């Protein structure tokens, strides 16, 4: 495995691993969402990522950015609720930020693309760190990834750092009061439950760590 680039095959493997993880954790994501929302996060996201994996079967994209653009478009079209537009927009932004037509991207390019994905999520949802959303896992994951890359880390180490930070960010949502989304309607009663969107964000970053692990 090339440890300093993300190529098409690895991007596809990442998304397939994310699909498998989200599917395996569907019930847990549903339980988390049922406590503070309408309980459909797990089912919706599993359906969407299953569709993403299907779109990458056979003759897939030849440019690494196109992998994520296709994934994003699929999530937007297949996933209901807020998670489809949010994750779909993030992946589309990631894909569009990668070098056009390139078969691979180096780690600096990938960090910049992840930054574009986070910016797209924040713009669409209006969320800030501490609002108890996807951002609370995505932001620390990106920070950890960028720090690792700046320190000379290869992709496996940078991905593992991002996954650990995303997991910590997701767990840190437990005491927070939701300020965005359906959970915000509960006010202080939303505290005490881990945010499902932050949790699925951790699963996605963990999938990258898994497929790049030595």
N, C-alpha and C. Protein backbone atom coordinates (compact mmCIF):
# COMPACT_ATOMS: atom_id res chain seq x y z
N UNK A 1 0.83 -1.20 0.00
CA UNK A 1 0.00 0.00 0.00
C UNK A 1 0.87 1.25 0.00
N UNK A 2 0.52 2.21 -0.83
CA UNK A 2 1.19 3.51 -0.84
C UNK A 2 0.76 4.26 0.41
N UNK A 3 1.72 4.58 1.28
CA UNK A 3 1.36 5.17 2.57
C UNK A 3 1.37 6.69 2.56
N UNK A 4 1.63 7.30 1.40
CA UNK A 4 1.64 8.76 1.34
C UNK A 4 0.63 9.30 0.33
N UNK A 5 -0.18 8.41 -0.23
CA UNK A 5 -1.21 8.84 -1.18
C UNK A 5 -2.51 8.09 -0.92
N UNK A 6 -3.60 8.70 -1.31
CA UNK A 6 -4.90 8.04 -1.36
C UNK A 6 -5.24 7.88 -2.83
N UNK A 7 -5.30 6.63 -3.31
CA UNK A 7 -5.63 6.40 -4.70
C UNK A 7 -7.07 5.92 -4.83
N UNK A 8 -7.49 5.66 -6.06
CA UNK A 8 -8.88 5.28 -6.32
C UNK A 8 -9.24 4.00 -5.56
N UNK A 9 -8.37 2.99 -5.64
CA UNK A 9 -8.67 1.71 -5.00
C UNK A 9 -8.83 1.87 -3.49
N UNK A 10 -7.98 2.68 -2.89
CA UNK A 10 -8.06 2.87 -1.45
C UNK A 10 -9.28 3.71 -1.07
N UNK A 11 -9.62 4.69 -1.89
CA UNK A 11 -10.82 5.48 -1.63
C UNK A 11 -12.07 4.60 -1.67
N UNK A 12 -12.11 3.71 -2.66
CA UNK A 12 -13.25 2.79 -2.76
C UNK A 12 -13.27 1.85 -1.57
N UNK A 13 -12.09 1.34 -1.18
CA UNK A 13 -12.02 0.46 -0.02
C UNK A 13 -12.50 1.17 1.24
N UNK A 14 -12.14 2.44 1.38
CA UNK A 14 -12.59 3.23 2.53
C UNK A 14 -14.11 3.30 2.58
N UNK A 15 -14.73 3.62 1.46
CA UNK A 15 -16.18 3.77 1.44
C UNK A 15 -16.88 2.42 1.64
N UNK A 16 -16.30 1.36 1.12
CA UNK A 16 -16.88 0.03 1.35
C UNK A 16 -16.78 -0.34 2.83
N UNK A 17 -15.65 -0.03 3.44
CA UNK A 17 -15.48 -0.31 4.86
C UNK A 17 -16.45 0.52 5.70
N UNK A 18 -16.65 1.77 5.31
CA UNK A 18 -17.61 2.62 6.01
C UNK A 18 -19.02 2.04 5.89
N UNK A 19 -19.36 1.55 4.70
CA UNK A 19 -20.68 0.95 4.50
C UNK A 19 -20.86 -0.27 5.40
N UNK A 20 -19.83 -1.10 5.47
CA UNK A 20 -19.91 -2.30 6.30
C UNK A 20 -20.04 -1.93 7.78
N UNK A 21 -19.30 -0.92 8.22
CA UNK A 21 -19.34 -0.51 9.62
C UNK A 21 -20.68 0.10 9.99
N UNK A 22 -21.17 0.98 9.14
CA UNK A 22 -22.46 1.61 9.41
C UNK A 22 -23.57 0.56 9.44
N UNK A 23 -23.49 -0.40 8.52
CA UNK A 23 -24.49 -1.47 8.49
C UNK A 23 -24.43 -2.30 9.77
N UNK A 24 -23.20 -2.64 10.20
CA UNK A 24 -23.04 -3.45 11.41
C UNK A 24 -23.54 -2.72 12.65
N UNK A 25 -23.44 -1.40 12.64
CA UNK A 25 -23.82 -0.59 13.80
C UNK A 25 -25.18 0.08 13.65
N UNK A 26 -25.98 -0.40 12.70
CA UNK A 26 -27.28 0.21 12.44
C UNK A 26 -28.15 0.27 13.70
N UNK A 27 -28.22 -0.83 14.43
CA UNK A 27 -29.08 -0.87 15.61
C UNK A 27 -28.60 0.12 16.68
N UNK A 28 -27.28 0.20 16.87
CA UNK A 28 -26.75 1.12 17.85
C UNK A 28 -27.03 2.57 17.45
N UNK A 29 -26.82 2.89 16.17
CA UNK A 29 -27.11 4.25 15.71
C UNK A 29 -28.59 4.57 15.85
N UNK A 30 -29.42 3.59 15.61
CA UNK A 30 -30.86 3.78 15.75
C UNK A 30 -31.24 4.04 17.20
N UNK A 31 -30.63 3.29 18.12
CA UNK A 31 -30.92 3.50 19.54
C UNK A 31 -30.49 4.90 19.98
N UNK A 32 -29.32 5.31 19.53
CA UNK A 32 -28.85 6.65 19.90
C UNK A 32 -29.79 7.72 19.36
N UNK A 33 -30.25 7.55 18.15
CA UNK A 33 -31.13 8.54 17.55
C UNK A 33 -32.52 8.51 18.17
N UNK A 34 -32.98 7.32 18.53
CA UNK A 34 -34.31 7.21 19.13
C UNK A 34 -34.40 7.96 20.46
N UNK A 35 -33.25 8.07 21.14
CA UNK A 35 -33.25 8.74 22.44
C UNK A 35 -33.43 10.24 22.31
N UNK A 36 -33.01 10.81 21.16
CA UNK A 36 -33.06 12.28 21.04
C UNK A 36 -33.67 12.75 19.72
N UNK A 37 -34.03 11.81 18.85
CA UNK A 37 -34.57 12.20 17.54
C UNK A 37 -35.70 11.30 17.11
N UNK A 38 -35.74 11.00 15.80
CA UNK A 38 -36.84 10.18 15.30
C UNK A 38 -36.43 8.73 15.04
N UNK A 39 -35.20 8.37 15.42
CA UNK A 39 -34.80 6.96 15.39
C UNK A 39 -34.48 6.38 14.04
N UNK A 40 -34.27 7.21 13.02
CA UNK A 40 -34.05 6.65 11.68
C UNK A 40 -32.61 6.82 11.18
N UNK A 41 -31.72 7.34 12.01
CA UNK A 41 -30.37 7.64 11.54
C UNK A 41 -29.64 6.38 11.06
N UNK A 42 -29.70 5.32 11.86
CA UNK A 42 -29.00 4.10 11.49
C UNK A 42 -29.52 3.48 10.22
N UNK A 43 -30.83 3.32 10.12
CA UNK A 43 -31.44 2.69 8.95
C UNK A 43 -31.19 3.53 7.70
N UNK A 44 -31.38 4.82 7.81
CA UNK A 44 -31.18 5.69 6.65
C UNK A 44 -29.74 5.67 6.16
N UNK A 45 -28.81 5.77 7.10
CA UNK A 45 -27.41 5.84 6.70
C UNK A 45 -26.93 4.50 6.15
N UNK A 46 -27.38 3.41 6.74
CA UNK A 46 -27.01 2.09 6.22
C UNK A 46 -27.53 1.92 4.79
N UNK A 47 -28.75 2.34 4.56
CA UNK A 47 -29.30 2.25 3.20
C UNK A 47 -28.47 3.08 2.23
N UNK A 48 -28.09 4.27 2.66
CA UNK A 48 -27.33 5.15 1.79
C UNK A 48 -25.95 4.61 1.48
N UNK A 49 -25.24 4.11 2.48
CA UNK A 49 -23.89 3.60 2.24
C UNK A 49 -23.92 2.28 1.48
N UNK A 50 -24.96 1.50 1.66
CA UNK A 50 -25.12 0.30 0.84
C UNK A 50 -25.26 0.68 -0.63
N UNK A 51 -26.01 1.74 -0.88
CA UNK A 51 -26.16 2.24 -2.25
C UNK A 51 -24.85 2.79 -2.79
N UNK A 52 -24.07 3.44 -1.92
CA UNK A 52 -22.75 3.94 -2.33
C UNK A 52 -21.87 2.78 -2.78
N UNK A 53 -21.83 1.72 -1.97
CA UNK A 53 -21.01 0.56 -2.32
C UNK A 53 -21.46 -0.03 -3.66
N UNK A 54 -22.77 -0.06 -3.89
CA UNK A 54 -23.29 -0.62 -5.14
C UNK A 54 -22.89 0.23 -6.34
N UNK A 55 -22.86 1.55 -6.17
CA UNK A 55 -22.51 2.42 -7.30
C UNK A 55 -21.03 2.29 -7.67
N UNK A 56 -20.23 1.77 -6.75
CA UNK A 56 -18.80 1.63 -7.02
C UNK A 56 -18.45 0.24 -7.54
N UNK A 57 -19.44 -0.63 -7.71
CA UNK A 57 -19.21 -1.95 -8.29
C UNK A 57 -18.85 -1.81 -9.77
N UNK A 58 -18.10 -2.78 -10.25
CA UNK A 58 -17.79 -2.80 -11.68
C UNK A 58 -16.86 -1.67 -12.08
N UNK A 59 -17.16 -1.04 -13.19
CA UNK A 59 -16.33 0.03 -13.73
C UNK A 59 -16.59 1.31 -12.95
N UNK A 60 -15.72 1.56 -11.99
CA UNK A 60 -15.89 2.74 -11.15
C UNK A 60 -15.12 3.92 -11.68
N UNK A 61 -15.03 4.98 -10.88
CA UNK A 61 -14.31 6.19 -11.28
C UNK A 61 -12.82 5.92 -11.49
N UNK A 62 -12.19 6.68 -12.34
CA UNK A 62 -10.75 6.58 -12.56
C UNK A 62 -10.00 7.71 -11.87
N UNK A 63 -10.70 8.71 -11.38
CA UNK A 63 -10.10 9.81 -10.63
C UNK A 63 -10.54 9.72 -9.17
N UNK A 64 -9.61 9.93 -8.25
CA UNK A 64 -9.93 9.73 -6.85
C UNK A 64 -11.01 10.71 -6.38
N UNK A 65 -11.00 11.93 -6.87
CA UNK A 65 -12.04 12.87 -6.48
C UNK A 65 -13.42 12.43 -6.91
N UNK A 66 -13.50 11.76 -8.08
CA UNK A 66 -14.79 11.32 -8.58
C UNK A 66 -15.41 10.24 -7.70
N UNK A 67 -14.58 9.48 -6.99
CA UNK A 67 -15.11 8.47 -6.07
C UNK A 67 -16.01 9.14 -5.03
N UNK A 68 -15.52 10.23 -4.47
CA UNK A 68 -16.25 10.92 -3.40
C UNK A 68 -17.42 11.73 -3.94
N UNK A 69 -17.26 12.31 -5.13
CA UNK A 69 -18.38 13.04 -5.74
C UNK A 69 -19.53 12.08 -6.01
N UNK A 70 -19.21 10.89 -6.53
CA UNK A 70 -20.26 9.90 -6.80
C UNK A 70 -20.90 9.43 -5.50
N UNK A 71 -20.09 9.20 -4.49
CA UNK A 71 -20.62 8.78 -3.19
C UNK A 71 -21.54 9.84 -2.62
N UNK A 72 -21.12 11.09 -2.69
CA UNK A 72 -21.94 12.17 -2.16
C UNK A 72 -23.26 12.30 -2.86
N UNK A 73 -23.23 12.21 -4.18
CA UNK A 73 -24.48 12.31 -4.94
C UNK A 73 -25.43 11.17 -4.58
N UNK A 74 -24.88 9.99 -4.36
CA UNK A 74 -25.70 8.84 -3.99
C UNK A 74 -26.34 9.03 -2.62
N UNK A 75 -25.57 9.51 -1.67
CA UNK A 75 -26.12 9.73 -0.33
C UNK A 75 -27.22 10.78 -0.34
N UNK A 76 -27.03 11.83 -1.10
CA UNK A 76 -28.05 12.88 -1.18
C UNK A 76 -29.34 12.32 -1.76
N UNK A 77 -29.22 11.45 -2.74
CA UNK A 77 -30.42 10.93 -3.42
C UNK A 77 -31.08 9.78 -2.68
N UNK A 78 -30.33 9.07 -1.83
CA UNK A 78 -30.85 7.84 -1.23
C UNK A 78 -31.19 7.94 0.26
N UNK A 79 -30.64 8.94 0.94
CA UNK A 79 -30.80 9.00 2.40
C UNK A 79 -31.76 10.12 2.78
N UNK A 80 -32.74 9.75 3.59
CA UNK A 80 -33.69 10.75 4.06
C UNK A 80 -33.18 11.47 5.28
N UNK A 81 -33.97 12.39 5.78
CA UNK A 81 -33.61 13.14 6.97
C UNK A 81 -32.47 14.10 6.70
N UNK A 82 -31.79 14.49 7.78
CA UNK A 82 -30.69 15.46 7.64
C UNK A 82 -29.39 14.81 7.23
N UNK A 83 -29.21 13.53 7.55
CA UNK A 83 -27.90 12.91 7.35
C UNK A 83 -27.53 12.77 5.88
N UNK A 84 -28.50 12.53 5.00
CA UNK A 84 -28.19 12.42 3.58
C UNK A 84 -27.59 13.68 3.00
N UNK A 85 -28.27 14.81 3.14
CA UNK A 85 -27.70 16.06 2.64
C UNK A 85 -26.37 16.42 3.31
N UNK A 86 -26.24 16.18 4.60
CA UNK A 86 -25.01 16.56 5.30
C UNK A 86 -23.82 15.71 4.85
N UNK A 87 -23.97 14.39 4.93
CA UNK A 87 -22.86 13.53 4.51
C UNK A 87 -22.64 13.61 3.00
N UNK A 88 -23.73 13.69 2.26
CA UNK A 88 -23.59 13.79 0.81
C UNK A 88 -22.86 15.05 0.40
N UNK A 89 -23.21 16.16 1.01
CA UNK A 89 -22.55 17.43 0.72
C UNK A 89 -21.08 17.37 1.12
N UNK A 90 -20.79 16.73 2.26
CA UNK A 90 -19.40 16.61 2.71
C UNK A 90 -18.57 15.83 1.70
N UNK A 91 -19.07 14.69 1.27
CA UNK A 91 -18.30 13.87 0.33
C UNK A 91 -18.16 14.55 -1.03
N UNK A 92 -19.19 15.21 -1.47
CA UNK A 92 -19.07 15.94 -2.74
C UNK A 92 -18.02 17.04 -2.64
N UNK A 93 -18.00 17.74 -1.52
CA UNK A 93 -17.00 18.80 -1.33
C UNK A 93 -15.60 18.22 -1.26
N UNK A 94 -15.45 17.08 -0.59
CA UNK A 94 -14.15 16.41 -0.53
C UNK A 94 -13.68 16.05 -1.94
N UNK A 95 -14.57 15.45 -2.71
CA UNK A 95 -14.20 15.05 -4.06
C UNK A 95 -13.83 16.21 -4.96
N UNK A 96 -14.59 17.27 -4.86
CA UNK A 96 -14.34 18.43 -5.72
C UNK A 96 -13.06 19.17 -5.32
N UNK A 97 -12.65 19.02 -4.05
CA UNK A 97 -11.44 19.70 -3.59
C UNK A 97 -10.17 18.94 -3.94
N UNK A 98 -10.28 17.67 -4.28
CA UNK A 98 -9.11 16.89 -4.66
C UNK A 98 -8.67 17.27 -6.07
N UNK A 99 -7.39 17.02 -6.42
CA UNK A 99 -6.89 17.42 -7.74
C UNK A 99 -7.75 16.86 -8.87
N UNK A 100 -8.27 17.70 -9.75
CA UNK A 100 -9.17 17.24 -10.82
C UNK A 100 -8.51 16.20 -11.72
N UNK A 101 -9.19 15.09 -11.91
CA UNK A 101 -8.72 14.06 -12.84
C UNK A 101 -7.58 13.22 -12.34
N UNK A 102 -7.07 13.48 -11.14
CA UNK A 102 -5.90 12.76 -10.63
C UNK A 102 -6.29 11.37 -10.12
N UNK A 103 -5.43 10.41 -10.38
CA UNK A 103 -5.68 9.05 -9.92
C UNK A 103 -5.38 8.87 -8.44
N UNK A 104 -4.65 9.81 -7.85
CA UNK A 104 -4.35 9.74 -6.42
C UNK A 104 -4.14 11.14 -5.88
N UNK A 105 -4.16 11.25 -4.57
CA UNK A 105 -3.94 12.53 -3.89
C UNK A 105 -2.96 12.32 -2.76
N UNK A 106 -2.06 13.28 -2.56
CA UNK A 106 -1.15 13.15 -1.43
C UNK A 106 -1.86 13.58 -0.15
N UNK A 107 -1.16 13.43 0.96
CA UNK A 107 -1.83 13.65 2.25
C UNK A 107 -2.18 15.11 2.49
N UNK A 108 -1.38 16.02 1.95
CA UNK A 108 -1.72 17.44 2.07
C UNK A 108 -3.00 17.74 1.30
N UNK A 109 -3.13 17.15 0.11
CA UNK A 109 -4.35 17.32 -0.68
C UNK A 109 -5.55 16.73 0.05
N UNK A 110 -5.36 15.57 0.65
CA UNK A 110 -6.45 14.92 1.37
C UNK A 110 -6.87 15.75 2.57
N UNK A 111 -5.89 16.30 3.31
CA UNK A 111 -6.22 17.14 4.46
C UNK A 111 -7.02 18.36 4.02
N UNK A 112 -6.60 18.97 2.91
CA UNK A 112 -7.32 20.14 2.40
C UNK A 112 -8.73 19.76 1.97
N UNK A 113 -8.88 18.57 1.38
CA UNK A 113 -10.20 18.12 0.94
C UNK A 113 -11.10 17.84 2.13
N UNK A 114 -10.56 17.22 3.17
CA UNK A 114 -11.35 16.99 4.38
C UNK A 114 -11.79 18.31 4.99
N UNK A 115 -10.90 19.30 4.93
CA UNK A 115 -11.25 20.63 5.44
C UNK A 115 -12.43 21.19 4.63
N UNK A 116 -12.40 21.00 3.31
CA UNK A 116 -13.51 21.46 2.47
C UNK A 116 -14.80 20.73 2.83
N UNK A 117 -14.69 19.44 3.15
CA UNK A 117 -15.87 18.68 3.56
C UNK A 117 -16.47 19.19 4.84
N UNK A 118 -15.61 19.48 5.82
CA UNK A 118 -16.10 20.02 7.09
C UNK A 118 -16.73 21.40 6.87
N UNK A 119 -16.10 22.23 6.09
CA UNK A 119 -16.65 23.56 5.83
C UNK A 119 -18.03 23.46 5.19
N UNK A 120 -18.20 22.49 4.28
CA UNK A 120 -19.49 22.31 3.61
C UNK A 120 -20.57 21.89 4.60
N UNK A 121 -20.22 21.00 5.52
CA UNK A 121 -21.17 20.56 6.55
C UNK A 121 -21.57 21.73 7.43
N UNK A 122 -20.58 22.50 7.85
CA UNK A 122 -20.87 23.63 8.73
C UNK A 122 -21.72 24.68 8.02
N UNK A 123 -21.45 24.91 6.76
CA UNK A 123 -22.24 25.90 6.01
C UNK A 123 -23.67 25.43 5.83
N UNK A 124 -23.85 24.15 5.52
CA UNK A 124 -25.20 23.63 5.28
C UNK A 124 -26.01 23.58 6.57
N UNK A 125 -25.39 23.07 7.64
CA UNK A 125 -26.13 22.89 8.88
C UNK A 125 -26.02 24.03 9.87
N UNK A 126 -25.08 24.93 9.63
CA UNK A 126 -24.89 26.05 10.55
C UNK A 126 -24.36 25.65 11.90
N UNK A 127 -23.72 24.48 11.98
CA UNK A 127 -23.27 23.97 13.28
C UNK A 127 -21.85 24.41 13.59
N UNK A 128 -21.61 24.59 14.88
CA UNK A 128 -20.29 24.91 15.41
C UNK A 128 -19.89 23.82 16.39
N UNK A 129 -18.60 23.70 16.69
CA UNK A 129 -18.19 22.76 17.72
C UNK A 129 -18.93 23.03 19.02
N UNK A 130 -19.40 21.98 19.66
CA UNK A 130 -20.16 22.11 20.89
C UNK A 130 -21.66 22.12 20.70
N UNK A 131 -22.11 22.15 19.44
CA UNK A 131 -23.55 22.13 19.17
C UNK A 131 -24.12 20.71 19.21
N UNK A 132 -23.24 19.72 19.39
CA UNK A 132 -23.66 18.31 19.47
C UNK A 132 -24.15 17.81 18.11
N UNK A 133 -23.24 17.78 17.14
CA UNK A 133 -23.54 17.35 15.79
C UNK A 133 -22.36 16.59 15.21
N UNK A 134 -22.45 16.29 13.93
CA UNK A 134 -21.35 15.70 13.17
C UNK A 134 -20.05 16.46 13.40
N UNK A 135 -20.16 17.77 13.48
CA UNK A 135 -18.98 18.64 13.60
C UNK A 135 -18.15 18.28 14.83
N UNK A 136 -18.78 17.81 15.89
CA UNK A 136 -18.05 17.53 17.12
C UNK A 136 -17.13 16.32 17.00
N UNK A 137 -17.32 15.49 16.00
CA UNK A 137 -16.37 14.42 15.71
C UNK A 137 -15.48 14.78 14.52
N UNK A 138 -16.04 15.45 13.53
CA UNK A 138 -15.31 15.79 12.30
C UNK A 138 -14.19 16.79 12.60
N UNK A 139 -14.47 17.81 13.39
CA UNK A 139 -13.47 18.85 13.66
C UNK A 139 -12.22 18.28 14.34
N UNK A 140 -12.36 17.53 15.43
CA UNK A 140 -11.16 16.98 16.06
C UNK A 140 -10.45 15.95 15.17
N UNK A 141 -11.22 15.21 14.38
CA UNK A 141 -10.59 14.25 13.46
C UNK A 141 -9.72 14.97 12.45
N UNK A 142 -10.23 16.04 11.89
CA UNK A 142 -9.46 16.82 10.92
C UNK A 142 -8.23 17.44 11.58
N UNK A 143 -8.40 17.99 12.76
CA UNK A 143 -7.27 18.59 13.46
C UNK A 143 -6.17 17.56 13.69
N UNK A 144 -6.56 16.37 14.12
CA UNK A 144 -5.58 15.31 14.39
C UNK A 144 -4.90 14.85 13.11
N UNK A 145 -5.68 14.75 12.04
CA UNK A 145 -5.12 14.33 10.75
C UNK A 145 -4.10 15.36 10.27
N UNK A 146 -4.48 16.63 10.31
CA UNK A 146 -3.58 17.69 9.85
C UNK A 146 -2.31 17.74 10.70
N UNK A 147 -2.46 17.58 12.01
CA UNK A 147 -1.29 17.62 12.89
C UNK A 147 -0.35 16.45 12.57
N UNK A 148 -0.92 15.28 12.34
CA UNK A 148 -0.10 14.11 12.03
C UNK A 148 0.63 14.29 10.70
N UNK A 149 -0.08 14.80 9.70
CA UNK A 149 0.54 15.01 8.39
C UNK A 149 1.64 16.05 8.48
N UNK A 150 1.39 17.12 9.22
CA UNK A 150 2.40 18.17 9.38
C UNK A 150 3.64 17.64 10.08
N UNK A 151 3.46 16.62 10.91
CA UNK A 151 4.59 16.02 11.62
C UNK A 151 5.29 14.94 10.83
N UNK A 152 4.86 14.73 9.59
CA UNK A 152 5.53 13.76 8.73
C UNK A 152 4.94 12.36 8.78
N UNK A 153 3.76 12.20 9.36
CA UNK A 153 3.16 10.87 9.46
C UNK A 153 2.71 10.36 8.09
N UNK A 154 2.75 9.06 7.92
CA UNK A 154 2.19 8.41 6.74
C UNK A 154 0.68 8.25 6.95
N UNK A 155 0.00 7.81 5.91
CA UNK A 155 -1.46 7.72 5.96
C UNK A 155 -1.98 6.82 7.09
N UNK A 156 -1.42 5.64 7.31
CA UNK A 156 -1.96 4.82 8.39
C UNK A 156 -1.95 5.52 9.75
N UNK A 157 -0.83 6.18 10.07
CA UNK A 157 -0.73 6.87 11.35
C UNK A 157 -1.67 8.06 11.41
N UNK A 158 -1.75 8.84 10.32
CA UNK A 158 -2.64 10.00 10.30
C UNK A 158 -4.09 9.57 10.41
N UNK A 159 -4.45 8.49 9.73
CA UNK A 159 -5.84 8.00 9.78
C UNK A 159 -6.18 7.49 11.17
N UNK A 160 -5.24 6.79 11.80
CA UNK A 160 -5.48 6.28 13.14
C UNK A 160 -5.66 7.43 14.13
N UNK A 161 -4.85 8.48 13.98
CA UNK A 161 -4.99 9.65 14.86
C UNK A 161 -6.34 10.31 14.67
N UNK A 162 -6.78 10.42 13.42
CA UNK A 162 -8.07 11.03 13.14
C UNK A 162 -9.20 10.21 13.74
N UNK A 163 -9.11 8.89 13.62
CA UNK A 163 -10.16 8.03 14.15
C UNK A 163 -10.25 8.13 15.67
N UNK A 164 -9.09 8.15 16.33
CA UNK A 164 -9.10 8.28 17.79
C UNK A 164 -9.74 9.60 18.21
N UNK A 165 -9.38 10.67 17.51
CA UNK A 165 -9.93 11.98 17.85
C UNK A 165 -11.43 12.05 17.58
N UNK A 166 -11.86 11.42 16.49
CA UNK A 166 -13.29 11.39 16.19
C UNK A 166 -14.06 10.64 17.26
N UNK A 167 -13.50 9.52 17.73
CA UNK A 167 -14.15 8.76 18.78
C UNK A 167 -14.25 9.55 20.07
N UNK A 168 -13.16 10.24 20.40
CA UNK A 168 -13.18 11.08 21.60
C UNK A 168 -14.20 12.21 21.46
N UNK A 169 -14.27 12.79 20.25
CA UNK A 169 -15.23 13.85 20.02
C UNK A 169 -16.66 13.37 20.14
N UNK A 170 -16.91 12.17 19.61
CA UNK A 170 -18.27 11.61 19.71
C UNK A 170 -18.65 11.37 21.17
N UNK A 171 -17.73 10.78 21.93
CA UNK A 171 -18.04 10.52 23.35
C UNK A 171 -18.22 11.81 24.14
N UNK A 172 -17.53 12.85 23.71
CA UNK A 172 -17.64 14.13 24.42
C UNK A 172 -18.98 14.82 24.20
N UNK A 173 -19.81 14.30 23.28
CA UNK A 173 -21.13 14.90 23.08
C UNK A 173 -22.13 14.48 24.15
N UNK A 174 -21.80 13.46 24.91
CA UNK A 174 -22.78 12.93 25.88
C UNK A 174 -23.33 14.00 26.82
N UNK A 175 -22.50 14.83 27.44
CA UNK A 175 -23.05 15.82 28.38
C UNK A 175 -23.59 17.09 27.73
N UNK A 176 -23.42 17.20 26.40
CA UNK A 176 -23.79 18.45 25.73
C UNK A 176 -25.30 18.57 25.52
N UNK A 177 -25.78 19.80 25.48
CA UNK A 177 -27.16 20.08 25.11
C UNK A 177 -27.20 20.40 23.62
N UNK A 178 -28.05 19.71 22.90
CA UNK A 178 -28.12 19.90 21.45
C UNK A 178 -28.62 21.30 21.11
N UNK A 179 -27.97 21.91 20.12
CA UNK A 179 -28.39 23.23 19.67
C UNK A 179 -28.77 23.25 18.19
N UNK A 180 -28.70 22.09 17.56
CA UNK A 180 -29.08 21.98 16.15
C UNK A 180 -29.88 20.70 15.95
N UNK A 181 -30.70 20.68 14.91
CA UNK A 181 -31.43 19.48 14.56
C UNK A 181 -32.60 19.19 15.47
N UNK A 182 -33.21 18.03 15.23
CA UNK A 182 -34.39 17.63 16.00
C UNK A 182 -34.10 17.53 17.48
N UNK A 183 -32.89 17.09 17.83
CA UNK A 183 -32.55 16.93 19.24
C UNK A 183 -32.61 18.25 19.99
N UNK A 184 -32.42 19.36 19.28
CA UNK A 184 -32.44 20.67 19.95
C UNK A 184 -33.82 20.99 20.53
N UNK A 185 -34.87 20.35 20.00
CA UNK A 185 -36.22 20.59 20.51
C UNK A 185 -36.35 20.11 21.96
N UNK A 186 -35.48 19.17 22.37
CA UNK A 186 -35.55 18.62 23.72
C UNK A 186 -34.89 19.51 24.75
N UNK A 187 -34.11 20.48 24.29
CA UNK A 187 -33.41 21.35 25.22
C UNK A 187 -32.46 20.57 26.10
N UNK A 188 -32.48 20.82 27.40
CA UNK A 188 -31.54 20.17 28.31
C UNK A 188 -31.77 18.67 28.40
N UNK A 189 -32.94 18.18 28.01
CA UNK A 189 -33.20 16.74 28.04
C UNK A 189 -32.39 15.99 27.00
N UNK A 190 -31.79 16.71 26.04
CA UNK A 190 -30.96 16.03 25.03
C UNK A 190 -29.62 15.61 25.61
N UNK A 191 -29.21 16.19 26.73
CA UNK A 191 -27.95 15.83 27.36
C UNK A 191 -28.04 14.42 27.94
N UNK A 192 -26.89 13.76 28.00
CA UNK A 192 -26.84 12.41 28.56
C UNK A 192 -26.86 11.31 27.52
N UNK A 193 -26.89 11.67 26.26
CA UNK A 193 -26.92 10.70 25.17
C UNK A 193 -25.85 11.07 24.14
N UNK A 194 -25.13 10.07 23.64
CA UNK A 194 -24.12 10.33 22.62
C UNK A 194 -24.81 10.67 21.30
N UNK A 195 -24.30 11.69 20.63
CA UNK A 195 -24.92 12.13 19.39
C UNK A 195 -24.75 11.09 18.29
N UNK A 196 -25.83 10.70 17.61
CA UNK A 196 -25.72 9.68 16.56
C UNK A 196 -24.91 10.13 15.36
N UNK A 197 -25.03 11.41 14.98
CA UNK A 197 -24.26 11.90 13.84
C UNK A 197 -22.77 11.93 14.13
N UNK A 198 -22.39 12.34 15.32
CA UNK A 198 -20.98 12.31 15.71
C UNK A 198 -20.48 10.87 15.75
N UNK A 199 -21.35 9.96 16.16
CA UNK A 199 -20.96 8.55 16.23
C UNK A 199 -20.74 7.96 14.84
N UNK A 200 -21.62 8.25 13.91
CA UNK A 200 -21.43 7.72 12.55
C UNK A 200 -20.23 8.38 11.88
N UNK A 201 -19.94 9.62 12.22
CA UNK A 201 -18.74 10.28 11.71
C UNK A 201 -17.50 9.55 12.20
N UNK A 202 -17.50 9.17 13.47
CA UNK A 202 -16.38 8.37 13.99
C UNK A 202 -16.26 7.05 13.22
N UNK A 203 -17.37 6.39 12.94
CA UNK A 203 -17.33 5.12 12.20
C UNK A 203 -16.68 5.31 10.83
N UNK A 204 -16.95 6.43 10.19
CA UNK A 204 -16.40 6.70 8.86
C UNK A 204 -14.88 6.90 8.94
N UNK A 205 -14.44 7.67 9.92
CA UNK A 205 -12.99 7.87 10.08
C UNK A 205 -12.31 6.58 10.54
N UNK A 206 -12.98 5.80 11.38
CA UNK A 206 -12.42 4.53 11.81
C UNK A 206 -12.27 3.58 10.63
N UNK A 207 -13.19 3.66 9.68
CA UNK A 207 -13.10 2.81 8.49
C UNK A 207 -11.83 3.13 7.70
N UNK A 208 -11.48 4.41 7.60
CA UNK A 208 -10.23 4.78 6.92
C UNK A 208 -9.03 4.22 7.67
N UNK A 209 -9.05 4.31 8.99
CA UNK A 209 -7.95 3.76 9.78
C UNK A 209 -7.84 2.24 9.59
N UNK A 210 -8.98 1.58 9.51
CA UNK A 210 -8.99 0.12 9.36
C UNK A 210 -8.38 -0.31 8.03
N UNK A 211 -8.77 0.36 6.95
CA UNK A 211 -8.29 -0.09 5.63
C UNK A 211 -6.85 0.34 5.34
N UNK A 212 -6.32 1.25 6.14
CA UNK A 212 -4.94 1.68 5.92
C UNK A 212 -3.99 1.10 6.96
N UNK A 213 -4.52 0.38 7.95
CA UNK A 213 -3.69 -0.16 9.01
C UNK A 213 -2.67 -1.15 8.43
N UNK A 214 -1.44 -1.11 8.95
CA UNK A 214 -0.40 -2.04 8.45
C UNK A 214 -0.79 -3.48 8.67
